[in-house]
């Protein structure tokens, strides 16, 4: 994707995810989708921090769960279901990572479907934030 992301960039990104899914290369889909999720959460946090504090965020290295939990302190409401889903997903991600050494088929189509839906939910939060700010 280019530095300035466009609709075409995201369309191409999700085309690659769909291609990997069709080939049942779920590990590749998982990596792409998790990267997308991190990007969206990081962007939401950075923009909200800048908007509320008037300076760039010094919390670049913090995990995405921490960043989502800080958003209410930055005057942005996050639905409890988003946090619960992130907690469920984080637990599953950890299981996947720990199992990957001896089982490369640990990631299932269900994992990808779950992650895709969650990514879209977080992307909607970012879209709403852009419209609001």
Protein backbone atom coordinates (compact mmCIF):
# COMPACT_ATOMS: atom_id res chain seq x y z
CA UNK A 1 0.00 0.00 0.00
CA UNK A 2 1.12 3.52 -0.61
CA UNK A 3 1.91 5.98 2.18
CA UNK A 4 -1.47 7.65 1.58
CA UNK A 5 -3.90 4.76 1.57
CA UNK A 6 -6.79 4.81 -0.84
CA UNK A 7 -9.86 2.71 -1.39
CA UNK A 8 -7.95 0.90 -4.15
CA UNK A 9 -5.17 0.00 -1.71
CA UNK A 10 -7.65 -1.57 0.69
CA UNK A 11 -9.48 -3.29 -2.14
CA UNK A 12 -6.18 -4.83 -3.31
CA UNK A 13 -5.32 -5.81 0.25
CA UNK A 14 -8.57 -7.68 0.76
CA UNK A 15 -8.25 -9.25 -2.69
CA UNK A 16 -4.96 -10.80 -1.51
CA UNK A 17 -6.62 -12.01 1.69
CA UNK A 18 -9.43 -13.59 -0.33
CA UNK A 19 -6.98 -15.24 -2.73
CA UNK A 20 -5.05 -16.74 0.19
CA UNK A 21 -8.30 -18.00 1.70
CA UNK A 22 -9.33 -19.64 -1.57
CA UNK A 23 -5.99 -21.47 -1.60
CA UNK A 24 -6.45 -22.30 2.10
CA UNK A 25 -3.26 -20.40 2.97
CA UNK A 26 -4.80 -19.27 6.23
CA UNK A 27 -1.46 -18.44 7.83
CA UNK A 28 -0.88 -15.76 5.18
CA UNK A 29 -4.43 -14.42 5.59
CA UNK A 30 -3.97 -14.32 9.33
CA UNK A 31 -0.75 -12.30 9.10
CA UNK A 32 -2.29 -9.84 6.65
CA UNK A 33 -5.45 -9.40 8.70
CA UNK A 34 -3.62 -9.01 11.97
CA UNK A 35 -1.40 -6.37 10.37
CA UNK A 36 -4.54 -4.57 9.19
CA UNK A 37 -6.04 -4.76 12.69
CA UNK A 38 -2.88 -3.34 14.27
CA UNK A 39 -2.81 -0.55 11.69
CA UNK A 40 -6.42 0.46 12.37
CA UNK A 41 -6.06 0.42 16.16
CA UNK A 42 -2.77 2.30 16.01
CA UNK A 43 -4.25 4.91 13.70
CA UNK A 44 -7.35 5.35 15.88
CA UNK A 45 -5.19 5.80 18.96
CA UNK A 46 -2.68 8.17 17.32
CA UNK A 47 -5.35 10.42 15.85
CA UNK A 48 -7.38 10.50 19.07
CA UNK A 49 -4.29 11.21 21.17
CA UNK A 50 -3.25 14.05 18.87
CA UNK A 51 -6.78 15.46 18.86
CA UNK A 52 -7.13 15.40 22.66
CA UNK A 53 -3.57 16.17 23.75
CA UNK A 54 -2.39 18.29 20.84
CA UNK A 55 0.85 16.38 20.37
CA UNK A 56 1.94 13.06 18.85
CA UNK A 57 1.57 9.96 20.97
CA UNK A 58 4.70 8.76 22.79
CA UNK A 59 3.09 5.30 23.18
CA UNK A 60 4.08 3.80 19.84
CA UNK A 61 5.35 0.51 21.31
CA UNK A 62 2.33 -0.27 23.49
CA UNK A 63 0.16 -3.25 22.47
CA UNK A 64 -3.14 -2.66 20.70
CA UNK A 65 -5.17 -3.89 23.67
CA UNK A 66 -3.59 -1.23 25.86
CA UNK A 67 -4.30 1.42 23.22
CA UNK A 68 -7.97 0.48 22.93
CA UNK A 69 -8.33 0.59 26.71
CA UNK A 70 -6.87 4.12 26.78
CA UNK A 71 -9.38 5.55 24.30
CA UNK A 72 -12.07 6.38 26.90
CA UNK A 73 -9.44 8.50 28.70
CA UNK A 74 -9.03 10.31 25.39
CA UNK A 75 -12.79 10.97 25.19
CA UNK A 76 -13.57 8.21 22.72
CA UNK A 77 -16.15 5.57 23.56
CA UNK A 78 -15.31 1.97 22.75
CA UNK A 79 -18.05 -0.63 23.02
CA UNK A 80 -17.36 -3.32 25.63
CA UNK A 81 -18.01 -5.93 22.93
CA UNK A 82 -14.97 -4.66 21.01
CA UNK A 83 -12.77 -5.12 24.05
CA UNK A 84 -14.24 -8.55 24.77
CA UNK A 85 -13.69 -9.62 21.17
CA UNK A 86 -10.10 -8.36 21.27
CA UNK A 87 -9.50 -10.37 24.45
CA UNK A 88 -10.94 -13.51 22.82
CA UNK A 89 -8.91 -12.93 19.70
CA UNK A 90 -5.71 -12.26 21.63
CA UNK A 91 -6.10 -15.53 23.49
CA UNK A 92 -6.64 -17.38 20.20
CA UNK A 93 -3.70 -15.60 18.58
CA UNK A 94 -1.45 -16.71 21.43
CA UNK A 95 -2.65 -20.31 21.05
CA UNK A 96 -1.95 -20.15 17.31
CA UNK A 97 1.55 -18.77 17.81
CA UNK A 98 2.45 -21.39 20.42
CA UNK A 99 1.06 -24.23 18.32
CA UNK A 100 2.66 -23.09 15.05
CA UNK A 101 6.00 -24.76 15.67
CA UNK A 102 4.57 -28.26 15.39
CA UNK A 103 1.30 -27.65 13.60
CA UNK A 104 1.31 -25.35 10.60
CA UNK A 105 -2.39 -26.03 10.05
CA UNK A 106 -3.44 -24.51 13.38
CA UNK A 107 -5.19 -21.54 11.77
CA UNK A 108 -8.64 -22.44 10.51
CA UNK A 109 -11.09 -20.85 8.14
CA UNK A 110 -13.18 -20.00 11.22
CA UNK A 111 -10.25 -18.07 12.68
CA UNK A 112 -9.97 -16.06 9.48
CA UNK A 113 -13.71 -15.41 9.32
CA UNK A 114 -13.70 -14.24 12.95
CA UNK A 115 -10.67 -12.01 12.41
CA UNK A 116 -12.07 -10.55 9.19
CA UNK A 117 -15.31 -9.54 10.91
CA UNK A 118 -13.41 -8.04 13.81
CA UNK A 119 -11.14 -6.08 11.44
CA UNK A 120 -14.19 -4.65 9.71
CA UNK A 121 -15.69 -3.63 13.07
CA UNK A 122 -12.51 -1.81 14.07
CA UNK A 123 -12.29 -0.22 10.62
CA UNK A 124 -15.83 1.13 11.11
CA UNK A 125 -14.66 2.74 14.35
CA UNK A 126 -11.85 4.43 12.41
CA UNK A 127 -14.27 5.59 9.69
CA UNK A 128 -16.60 7.06 12.33
CA UNK A 129 -13.65 8.77 13.99
CA UNK A 130 -12.57 10.35 10.68
CA UNK A 131 -16.08 11.71 10.10
CA UNK A 132 -16.35 13.02 13.67
CA UNK A 133 -12.96 14.73 13.73
